[in-house]
Amino acid sequence: MFSFSNKVSAKYEKTIYDFEIESITGEKINFSKYKNKPILLVNVASQCGFTKQYEDLQNLWEKYQDKGLIVIGLPSNQFGGQEPGSNSEIKNFCEVNFNINFPMTTKIDVKGKNIDPIYKWALKNYGKKATPKWNFYKILINKDGKIEQTYSSITNPMSKKITNEIEKILNIK
């Protein structure tokens, strides 16, 4: 008998808190400063049908930021070439159109040969479910710095599916 599974590593060698990445303005984002806080990683794009989710990502950030949630947007041009702009163009687009003030990173690869170390870590520890299938794919990291859940692009950031899980992690009743 054969058994096939998407095996998740029982013990992570690293957590998200062991990583750093360049911000959209060129400074380092050191994830260790977010230790013991849940993080929602979202690969984003300015010219996607899901781009309107920026609004609800900002709403999610505003609702849960003071309770400990960190939302991070990670621009990527790997799906349909829908994030062709420079870092300054992306930043300006997000601020002008959606008043985004949650942390954003420099444009990265979320899959393939030049995959960013964070997404390589996610793939290694959570399997293919951690690899974005399209823009606005979401990865929820728990307070232990490990992947709690992933959500497809069609799952709205303010959906009960996501907010219930965040509230569970934050111990909000």
N, C-alpha and C. Protein backbone atom coordinates (compact mmCIF):
# COMPACT_ATOMS: atom_id res chain seq x y z
N MET A 1 0.84 -1.18 0.00
CA MET A 1 0.00 0.00 0.00
C MET A 1 0.89 1.25 0.00
N PHE A 2 0.51 2.21 -0.81
CA PHE A 2 1.28 3.44 -0.90
C PHE A 2 0.55 4.56 -0.16
N SER A 3 1.34 5.41 0.45
CA SER A 3 0.76 6.55 1.15
C SER A 3 1.43 7.82 0.64
N PHE A 4 0.61 8.75 0.22
CA PHE A 4 1.12 10.02 -0.26
C PHE A 4 0.62 11.12 0.66
N SER A 5 1.53 11.98 1.06
CA SER A 5 1.10 13.08 1.92
C SER A 5 1.95 14.30 1.65
N ASN A 6 1.43 15.42 2.03
CA ASN A 6 2.16 16.67 1.96
C ASN A 6 2.76 16.87 3.35
N LYS A 7 3.85 16.16 3.61
CA LYS A 7 4.41 16.12 4.95
C LYS A 7 5.00 17.48 5.34
N VAL A 8 4.62 17.92 6.50
CA VAL A 8 5.13 19.16 7.05
C VAL A 8 6.19 18.78 8.07
N SER A 9 7.32 19.47 8.04
CA SER A 9 8.38 19.19 9.00
C SER A 9 7.86 19.36 10.41
N ALA A 10 8.07 18.34 11.24
CA ALA A 10 7.60 18.39 12.61
C ALA A 10 8.36 19.46 13.40
N LYS A 11 9.64 19.61 13.10
CA LYS A 11 10.45 20.58 13.82
C LYS A 11 11.12 21.52 12.82
N TYR A 12 10.81 22.77 12.94
CA TYR A 12 11.41 23.77 12.06
C TYR A 12 12.86 23.99 12.50
N GLU A 13 13.78 24.09 11.54
CA GLU A 13 15.16 24.44 11.87
C GLU A 13 15.25 25.92 12.21
N LYS A 14 14.43 26.71 11.55
CA LYS A 14 14.37 28.16 11.78
C LYS A 14 12.91 28.56 11.90
N THR A 15 12.68 29.74 12.45
CA THR A 15 11.35 30.33 12.43
C THR A 15 11.42 31.60 11.58
N ILE A 16 10.29 32.20 11.33
CA ILE A 16 10.26 33.44 10.55
C ILE A 16 11.11 34.52 11.22
N TYR A 17 11.24 34.43 12.56
CA TYR A 17 11.97 35.44 13.31
C TYR A 17 13.48 35.40 13.05
N ASP A 18 13.96 34.39 12.34
CA ASP A 18 15.38 34.28 11.99
C ASP A 18 15.72 34.99 10.68
N PHE A 19 14.74 35.60 10.04
CA PHE A 19 14.95 36.19 8.72
C PHE A 19 14.92 37.71 8.76
N GLU A 20 15.51 38.28 7.73
CA GLU A 20 15.36 39.71 7.47
C GLU A 20 15.20 39.87 5.96
N ILE A 21 14.62 40.99 5.59
CA ILE A 21 14.37 41.28 4.19
C ILE A 21 14.45 42.79 4.00
N GLU A 22 14.72 43.22 2.80
CA GLU A 22 14.79 44.65 2.52
C GLU A 22 13.39 45.22 2.37
N SER A 23 13.16 46.37 3.00
CA SER A 23 11.86 47.04 2.87
C SER A 23 11.77 47.72 1.51
N ILE A 24 10.59 48.19 1.20
CA ILE A 24 10.35 48.85 -0.08
C ILE A 24 11.13 50.16 -0.20
N THR A 25 11.56 50.70 0.95
CA THR A 25 12.35 51.94 0.95
C THR A 25 13.84 51.69 1.16
N GLY A 26 14.24 50.42 1.25
CA GLY A 26 15.66 50.08 1.32
C GLY A 26 16.21 49.75 2.69
N GLU A 27 15.43 49.96 3.75
CA GLU A 27 15.89 49.59 5.08
C GLU A 27 15.68 48.09 5.28
N LYS A 28 16.34 47.54 6.29
CA LYS A 28 16.15 46.12 6.61
C LYS A 28 14.93 45.96 7.50
N ILE A 29 14.13 44.95 7.20
CA ILE A 29 13.06 44.52 8.10
C ILE A 29 13.59 43.26 8.76
N ASN A 30 13.87 43.35 10.05
CA ASN A 30 14.37 42.20 10.80
C ASN A 30 13.18 41.57 11.51
N PHE A 31 12.83 40.37 11.12
CA PHE A 31 11.64 39.71 11.67
C PHE A 31 11.76 39.42 13.16
N SER A 32 12.99 39.44 13.70
CA SER A 32 13.15 39.18 15.14
C SER A 32 12.43 40.25 15.97
N LYS A 33 12.23 41.44 15.40
CA LYS A 33 11.52 42.48 16.15
C LYS A 33 10.02 42.18 16.28
N TYR A 34 9.56 41.20 15.53
CA TYR A 34 8.15 40.79 15.60
C TYR A 34 7.97 39.51 16.42
N LYS A 35 8.99 39.11 17.15
CA LYS A 35 8.93 37.86 17.92
C LYS A 35 7.68 37.83 18.81
N ASN A 36 7.04 36.67 18.85
CA ASN A 36 5.82 36.43 19.63
C ASN A 36 4.60 37.18 19.09
N LYS A 37 4.68 37.62 17.84
CA LYS A 37 3.54 38.26 17.19
C LYS A 37 3.18 37.47 15.94
N PRO A 38 1.90 37.33 15.66
CA PRO A 38 1.52 36.69 14.39
C PRO A 38 1.79 37.63 13.22
N ILE A 39 2.11 37.03 12.09
CA ILE A 39 2.44 37.79 10.89
C ILE A 39 1.63 37.24 9.72
N LEU A 40 1.03 38.13 8.95
CA LEU A 40 0.36 37.73 7.71
C LEU A 40 1.23 38.22 6.56
N LEU A 41 1.81 37.26 5.82
CA LEU A 41 2.61 37.56 4.64
C LEU A 41 1.70 37.48 3.42
N VAL A 42 1.75 38.50 2.56
CA VAL A 42 0.91 38.51 1.37
C VAL A 42 1.74 38.98 0.18
N ASN A 43 1.85 38.12 -0.85
CA ASN A 43 2.51 38.57 -2.07
C ASN A 43 1.52 39.43 -2.85
N VAL A 44 1.93 40.64 -3.16
CA VAL A 44 1.01 41.64 -3.71
C VAL A 44 1.43 42.09 -5.11
N ALA A 45 0.47 42.69 -5.82
CA ALA A 45 0.71 43.22 -7.16
C ALA A 45 -0.27 44.36 -7.44
N SER A 46 0.20 45.37 -8.14
CA SER A 46 -0.60 46.58 -8.39
C SER A 46 -1.58 46.47 -9.56
N GLN A 47 -1.37 45.51 -10.45
CA GLN A 47 -2.20 45.42 -11.66
C GLN A 47 -2.96 44.10 -11.74
N CYS A 48 -3.41 43.62 -10.62
CA CYS A 48 -4.08 42.31 -10.53
C CYS A 48 -5.57 42.52 -10.25
N GLY A 49 -6.36 41.56 -10.64
CA GLY A 49 -7.78 41.59 -10.31
C GLY A 49 -8.04 41.59 -8.82
N PHE A 50 -7.06 41.12 -8.04
CA PHE A 50 -7.19 41.08 -6.58
C PHE A 50 -6.59 42.31 -5.91
N THR A 51 -6.09 43.26 -6.68
CA THR A 51 -5.42 44.44 -6.12
C THR A 51 -6.32 45.18 -5.14
N LYS A 52 -7.63 45.13 -5.36
CA LYS A 52 -8.56 45.80 -4.44
C LYS A 52 -8.45 45.24 -3.02
N GLN A 53 -7.83 44.05 -2.85
CA GLN A 53 -7.64 43.49 -1.51
C GLN A 53 -6.69 44.33 -0.66
N TYR A 54 -5.92 45.21 -1.28
CA TYR A 54 -5.09 46.13 -0.51
C TYR A 54 -5.93 46.86 0.53
N GLU A 55 -7.13 47.28 0.12
CA GLU A 55 -8.01 48.01 1.04
C GLU A 55 -8.31 47.19 2.28
N ASP A 56 -8.66 45.92 2.10
CA ASP A 56 -8.97 45.08 3.26
C ASP A 56 -7.73 44.63 4.01
N LEU A 57 -6.58 44.56 3.35
CA LEU A 57 -5.33 44.31 4.09
C LEU A 57 -5.06 45.48 5.04
N GLN A 58 -5.29 46.70 4.55
CA GLN A 58 -5.11 47.88 5.40
C GLN A 58 -6.13 47.87 6.54
N ASN A 59 -7.38 47.50 6.24
CA ASN A 59 -8.41 47.40 7.28
C ASN A 59 -8.03 46.36 8.33
N LEU A 60 -7.52 45.22 7.89
CA LEU A 60 -7.08 44.16 8.81
C LEU A 60 -5.95 44.68 9.70
N TRP A 61 -4.99 45.34 9.10
CA TRP A 61 -3.86 45.92 9.82
C TRP A 61 -4.35 46.91 10.88
N GLU A 62 -5.27 47.79 10.48
CA GLU A 62 -5.78 48.79 11.42
C GLU A 62 -6.57 48.15 12.55
N LYS A 63 -7.30 47.09 12.26
CA LYS A 63 -8.13 46.43 13.28
C LYS A 63 -7.29 45.67 14.30
N TYR A 64 -6.22 45.02 13.86
CA TYR A 64 -5.48 44.12 14.75
C TYR A 64 -4.05 44.56 15.08
N GLN A 65 -3.59 45.65 14.52
CA GLN A 65 -2.21 46.09 14.75
C GLN A 65 -1.94 46.30 16.24
N ASP A 66 -2.83 47.00 16.94
CA ASP A 66 -2.59 47.28 18.36
C ASP A 66 -2.75 46.04 19.24
N LYS A 67 -3.24 44.96 18.67
CA LYS A 67 -3.36 43.69 19.40
C LYS A 67 -2.18 42.76 19.10
N GLY A 68 -1.33 43.19 18.15
CA GLY A 68 -0.11 42.43 17.88
C GLY A 68 0.09 41.89 16.48
N LEU A 69 -0.94 41.94 15.63
CA LEU A 69 -0.79 41.40 14.28
C LEU A 69 0.13 42.28 13.43
N ILE A 70 1.00 41.63 12.66
CA ILE A 70 1.84 42.32 11.69
C ILE A 70 1.38 41.87 10.30
N VAL A 71 1.11 42.81 9.43
CA VAL A 71 0.78 42.52 8.03
C VAL A 71 1.97 42.99 7.20
N ILE A 72 2.46 42.14 6.31
CA ILE A 72 3.58 42.52 5.46
C ILE A 72 3.23 42.20 4.01
N GLY A 73 3.32 43.22 3.16
CA GLY A 73 3.12 43.05 1.72
C GLY A 73 4.46 42.80 1.04
N LEU A 74 4.50 41.76 0.20
CA LEU A 74 5.72 41.38 -0.51
C LEU A 74 5.45 41.43 -2.01
N PRO A 75 5.75 42.56 -2.66
CA PRO A 75 5.49 42.67 -4.10
C PRO A 75 6.26 41.63 -4.91
N SER A 76 5.59 41.10 -5.92
CA SER A 76 6.20 40.12 -6.82
C SER A 76 5.62 40.31 -8.22
N ASN A 77 6.47 40.14 -9.21
CA ASN A 77 6.04 40.30 -10.60
C ASN A 77 5.96 38.94 -11.31
N GLN A 78 5.81 37.86 -10.55
CA GLN A 78 5.88 36.52 -11.12
C GLN A 78 4.57 35.97 -11.67
N PHE A 79 3.48 36.64 -11.42
CA PHE A 79 2.19 36.14 -11.89
C PHE A 79 1.59 37.14 -12.87
N GLY A 80 1.69 36.82 -14.13
CA GLY A 80 1.11 37.66 -15.17
C GLY A 80 1.80 39.00 -15.36
N GLY A 81 3.00 39.16 -14.82
CA GLY A 81 3.71 40.44 -14.95
C GLY A 81 2.91 41.60 -14.38
N GLN A 82 2.18 41.35 -13.28
CA GLN A 82 1.23 42.33 -12.76
C GLN A 82 1.81 43.27 -11.71
N GLU A 83 3.14 43.19 -11.51
CA GLU A 83 3.81 44.15 -10.63
C GLU A 83 5.10 44.62 -11.30
N PRO A 84 4.95 45.36 -12.44
CA PRO A 84 6.12 45.76 -13.21
C PRO A 84 6.87 46.97 -12.66
N GLY A 85 6.26 47.71 -11.75
CA GLY A 85 6.83 48.97 -11.29
C GLY A 85 8.08 48.83 -10.43
N SER A 86 8.76 49.96 -10.25
CA SER A 86 9.90 50.03 -9.33
C SER A 86 9.37 50.07 -7.90
N ASN A 87 10.26 49.92 -6.93
CA ASN A 87 9.84 50.00 -5.54
C ASN A 87 9.15 51.33 -5.24
N SER A 88 9.71 52.44 -5.73
CA SER A 88 9.09 53.74 -5.44
C SER A 88 7.73 53.88 -6.12
N GLU A 89 7.57 53.32 -7.31
CA GLU A 89 6.27 53.35 -7.99
C GLU A 89 5.24 52.50 -7.24
N ILE A 90 5.66 51.34 -6.76
CA ILE A 90 4.76 50.47 -5.99
C ILE A 90 4.33 51.16 -4.71
N LYS A 91 5.29 51.72 -3.99
CA LYS A 91 5.01 52.42 -2.73
C LYS A 91 4.03 53.57 -2.97
N ASN A 92 4.29 54.37 -3.99
CA ASN A 92 3.42 55.50 -4.31
C ASN A 92 2.01 55.02 -4.66
N PHE A 93 1.91 53.98 -5.49
CA PHE A 93 0.61 53.42 -5.86
C PHE A 93 -0.18 53.00 -4.62
N CYS A 94 0.48 52.31 -3.71
CA CYS A 94 -0.20 51.81 -2.50
C CYS A 94 -0.64 52.94 -1.58
N GLU A 95 0.20 53.95 -1.43
CA GLU A 95 -0.15 55.08 -0.57
C GLU A 95 -1.26 55.93 -1.17
N VAL A 96 -1.16 56.24 -2.45
CA VAL A 96 -2.14 57.11 -3.11
C VAL A 96 -3.51 56.44 -3.23
N ASN A 97 -3.53 55.17 -3.62
CA ASN A 97 -4.80 54.49 -3.89
C ASN A 97 -5.43 53.81 -2.68
N PHE A 98 -4.60 53.39 -1.70
CA PHE A 98 -5.15 52.60 -0.60
C PHE A 98 -4.69 53.07 0.79
N ASN A 99 -3.94 54.16 0.85
CA ASN A 99 -3.42 54.66 2.14
C ASN A 99 -2.69 53.58 2.93
N ILE A 100 -1.92 52.75 2.25
CA ILE A 100 -1.22 51.65 2.89
C ILE A 100 -0.12 52.18 3.80
N ASN A 101 -0.11 51.71 5.05
CA ASN A 101 0.99 52.05 5.95
C ASN A 101 1.54 50.83 6.69
N PHE A 102 1.11 49.63 6.29
CA PHE A 102 1.74 48.44 6.87
C PHE A 102 3.07 48.20 6.15
N PRO A 103 3.97 47.43 6.74
CA PRO A 103 5.28 47.21 6.12
C PRO A 103 5.18 46.54 4.75
N MET A 104 6.01 47.02 3.84
CA MET A 104 6.11 46.46 2.49
C MET A 104 7.58 46.17 2.22
N THR A 105 7.83 45.13 1.44
CA THR A 105 9.21 44.77 1.11
C THR A 105 9.55 45.21 -0.31
N THR A 106 10.81 45.09 -0.63
CA THR A 106 11.25 45.25 -2.00
C THR A 106 10.62 44.15 -2.84
N LYS A 107 10.58 44.31 -4.13
CA LYS A 107 10.01 43.29 -5.02
C LYS A 107 10.88 42.03 -4.95
N ILE A 108 10.23 40.87 -4.80
CA ILE A 108 10.94 39.60 -4.65
C ILE A 108 10.34 38.52 -5.54
N ASP A 109 11.03 37.38 -5.61
CA ASP A 109 10.49 36.17 -6.23
C ASP A 109 9.94 35.29 -5.12
N VAL A 110 8.73 34.80 -5.30
CA VAL A 110 8.08 33.95 -4.30
C VAL A 110 8.12 32.47 -4.69
N LYS A 111 8.72 32.19 -5.85
CA LYS A 111 8.85 30.81 -6.32
C LYS A 111 9.98 30.78 -7.36
N GLY A 112 10.39 29.58 -7.73
CA GLY A 112 11.37 29.42 -8.80
C GLY A 112 12.82 29.52 -8.37
N LYS A 113 13.67 29.68 -9.36
CA LYS A 113 15.12 29.64 -9.17
C LYS A 113 15.63 30.72 -8.20
N ASN A 114 15.06 31.90 -8.26
CA ASN A 114 15.51 33.02 -7.42
C ASN A 114 14.57 33.28 -6.24
N ILE A 115 13.92 32.23 -5.76
CA ILE A 115 12.98 32.36 -4.65
C ILE A 115 13.63 33.04 -3.44
N ASP A 116 12.91 33.96 -2.84
CA ASP A 116 13.38 34.64 -1.64
C ASP A 116 13.54 33.63 -0.51
N PRO A 117 14.55 33.79 0.35
CA PRO A 117 14.76 32.84 1.45
C PRO A 117 13.55 32.61 2.34
N ILE A 118 12.70 33.62 2.52
CA ILE A 118 11.51 33.44 3.36
C ILE A 118 10.55 32.43 2.72
N TYR A 119 10.35 32.54 1.42
CA TYR A 119 9.45 31.61 0.74
C TYR A 119 10.10 30.23 0.58
N LYS A 120 11.41 30.19 0.49
CA LYS A 120 12.11 28.90 0.46
C LYS A 120 11.92 28.19 1.81
N TRP A 121 12.04 28.95 2.90
CA TRP A 121 11.81 28.42 4.24
C TRP A 121 10.37 27.91 4.37
N ALA A 122 9.42 28.70 3.89
CA ALA A 122 8.01 28.31 3.97
C ALA A 122 7.76 27.01 3.21
N LEU A 123 8.32 26.90 2.01
CA LEU A 123 8.16 25.69 1.21
C LEU A 123 8.77 24.48 1.91
N LYS A 124 9.95 24.66 2.47
CA LYS A 124 10.63 23.55 3.15
C LYS A 124 9.84 23.05 4.35
N ASN A 125 9.25 23.97 5.10
CA ASN A 125 8.60 23.61 6.35
C ASN A 125 7.11 23.35 6.26
N TYR A 126 6.46 23.84 5.21
CA TYR A 126 5.01 23.69 5.10
C TYR A 126 4.59 23.01 3.81
N GLY A 127 5.54 22.76 2.95
CA GLY A 127 5.23 22.09 1.70
C GLY A 127 4.67 23.03 0.65
N LYS A 128 4.16 22.45 -0.42
CA LYS A 128 3.68 23.23 -1.57
C LYS A 128 2.53 24.17 -1.23
N LYS A 129 1.82 23.89 -0.13
CA LYS A 129 0.73 24.79 0.27
C LYS A 129 1.25 26.19 0.59
N ALA A 130 2.55 26.32 0.88
CA ALA A 130 3.12 27.62 1.21
C ALA A 130 3.56 28.40 -0.03
N THR A 131 3.54 27.75 -1.18
CA THR A 131 3.95 28.42 -2.42
C THR A 131 2.76 29.15 -3.04
N PRO A 132 2.86 30.47 -3.19
CA PRO A 132 1.76 31.20 -3.82
C PRO A 132 1.42 30.66 -5.20
N LYS A 133 0.13 30.57 -5.45
CA LYS A 133 -0.37 30.13 -6.76
C LYS A 133 -0.68 31.34 -7.65
N TRP A 134 -0.84 32.51 -7.00
CA TRP A 134 -1.15 33.75 -7.71
C TRP A 134 -0.89 34.90 -6.75
N ASN A 135 -1.12 36.12 -7.21
CA ASN A 135 -0.97 37.30 -6.36
C ASN A 135 -1.99 37.27 -5.22
N PHE A 136 -1.64 37.88 -4.13
CA PHE A 136 -2.48 38.00 -2.94
C PHE A 136 -2.74 36.65 -2.26
N TYR A 137 -1.78 35.76 -2.36
CA TYR A 137 -1.78 34.50 -1.60
C TYR A 137 -1.30 34.86 -0.20
N LYS A 138 -1.92 34.30 0.81
CA LYS A 138 -1.65 34.71 2.18
C LYS A 138 -1.09 33.56 3.01
N ILE A 139 -0.06 33.88 3.81
CA ILE A 139 0.54 32.91 4.73
C ILE A 139 0.46 33.51 6.12
N LEU A 140 -0.26 32.82 7.02
CA LEU A 140 -0.39 33.28 8.40
C LEU A 140 0.62 32.55 9.27
N ILE A 141 1.46 33.33 9.93
CA ILE A 141 2.49 32.81 10.83
C ILE A 141 1.99 32.99 12.26
N ASN A 142 2.14 31.95 13.09
CA ASN A 142 1.67 32.06 14.47
C ASN A 142 2.72 32.73 15.37
N LYS A 143 2.43 32.85 16.67
CA LYS A 143 3.33 33.52 17.61
C LYS A 143 4.64 32.77 17.82
N ASP A 144 4.69 31.51 17.43
CA ASP A 144 5.92 30.72 17.54
C ASP A 144 6.80 30.90 16.31
N GLY A 145 6.35 31.70 15.36
CA GLY A 145 7.13 31.95 14.15
C GLY A 145 7.02 30.85 13.11
N LYS A 146 5.97 30.02 13.24
CA LYS A 146 5.75 28.91 12.31
C LYS A 146 4.45 29.14 11.53
N ILE A 147 4.36 28.52 10.39
CA ILE A 147 3.18 28.70 9.55
C ILE A 147 1.97 28.03 10.19
N GLU A 148 0.93 28.82 10.37
CA GLU A 148 -0.32 28.33 10.94
C GLU A 148 -1.27 27.88 9.84
N GLN A 149 -1.36 28.71 8.78
CA GLN A 149 -2.34 28.44 7.73
C GLN A 149 -1.98 29.25 6.48
N THR A 150 -2.46 28.79 5.34
CA THR A 150 -2.33 29.54 4.09
C THR A 150 -3.73 29.77 3.52
N TYR A 151 -3.85 30.84 2.75
CA TYR A 151 -5.14 31.21 2.18
C TYR A 151 -4.96 31.59 0.72
N SER A 152 -5.86 31.15 -0.11
CA SER A 152 -5.77 31.43 -1.55
C SER A 152 -6.03 32.91 -1.83
N SER A 153 -5.73 33.28 -3.03
CA SER A 153 -5.92 34.66 -3.48
C SER A 153 -7.38 35.11 -3.38
N ILE A 154 -8.31 34.18 -3.57
CA ILE A 154 -9.72 34.57 -3.53
C ILE A 154 -10.24 34.79 -2.11
N THR A 155 -9.48 34.39 -1.10
CA THR A 155 -9.91 34.59 0.28
C THR A 155 -9.64 36.03 0.68
N ASN A 156 -10.70 36.77 0.97
CA ASN A 156 -10.57 38.17 1.36
C ASN A 156 -9.88 38.29 2.71
N PRO A 157 -8.97 39.25 2.87
CA PRO A 157 -8.26 39.41 4.14
C PRO A 157 -9.18 39.62 5.35
N MET A 158 -10.35 40.21 5.15
CA MET A 158 -11.28 40.44 6.25
C MET A 158 -12.32 39.33 6.40
N SER A 159 -12.14 38.23 5.68
CA SER A 159 -13.08 37.12 5.79
C SER A 159 -13.03 36.50 7.18
N LYS A 160 -14.13 35.90 7.59
CA LYS A 160 -14.19 35.22 8.89
C LYS A 160 -13.14 34.12 8.98
N LYS A 161 -12.88 33.48 7.86
CA LYS A 161 -11.88 32.42 7.81
C LYS A 161 -10.53 32.92 8.33
N ILE A 162 -10.14 34.10 7.91
CA ILE A 162 -8.86 34.67 8.33
C ILE A 162 -8.97 35.35 9.69
N THR A 163 -9.98 36.18 9.88
CA THR A 163 -10.08 36.92 11.15
C THR A 163 -10.29 35.98 12.34
N ASN A 164 -11.05 34.90 12.16
CA ASN A 164 -11.23 33.95 13.26
C ASN A 164 -9.90 33.32 13.66
N GLU A 165 -9.08 32.97 12.68
CA GLU A 165 -7.78 32.35 12.97
C GLU A 165 -6.85 33.36 13.64
N ILE A 166 -6.87 34.59 13.18
CA ILE A 166 -6.05 35.64 13.81
C ILE A 166 -6.48 35.86 15.25
N GLU A 167 -7.79 35.94 15.48
CA GLU A 167 -8.30 36.14 16.83
C GLU A 167 -7.96 34.96 17.74
N LYS A 168 -7.96 33.77 17.19
CA LYS A 168 -7.57 32.59 17.97
C LYS A 168 -6.10 32.71 18.39
N ILE A 169 -5.24 33.08 17.45
CA ILE A 169 -3.82 33.24 17.76
C ILE A 169 -3.60 34.35 18.77
N LEU A 170 -4.36 35.44 18.65
CA LEU A 170 -4.21 36.59 19.54
C LEU A 170 -4.99 36.43 20.85
N ASN A 171 -5.70 35.32 21.00
CA ASN A 171 -6.52 35.07 22.19
C ASN A 171 -7.57 36.15 22.40
N ILE A 172 -8.23 36.53 21.31
CA ILE A 172 -9.31 37.52 21.37
C ILE A 172 -10.63 36.76 21.32
N LYS A 173 -11.49 37.05 22.25
CA LYS A 173 -12.81 36.38 22.29
C LYS A 173 -13.87 37.28 21.73
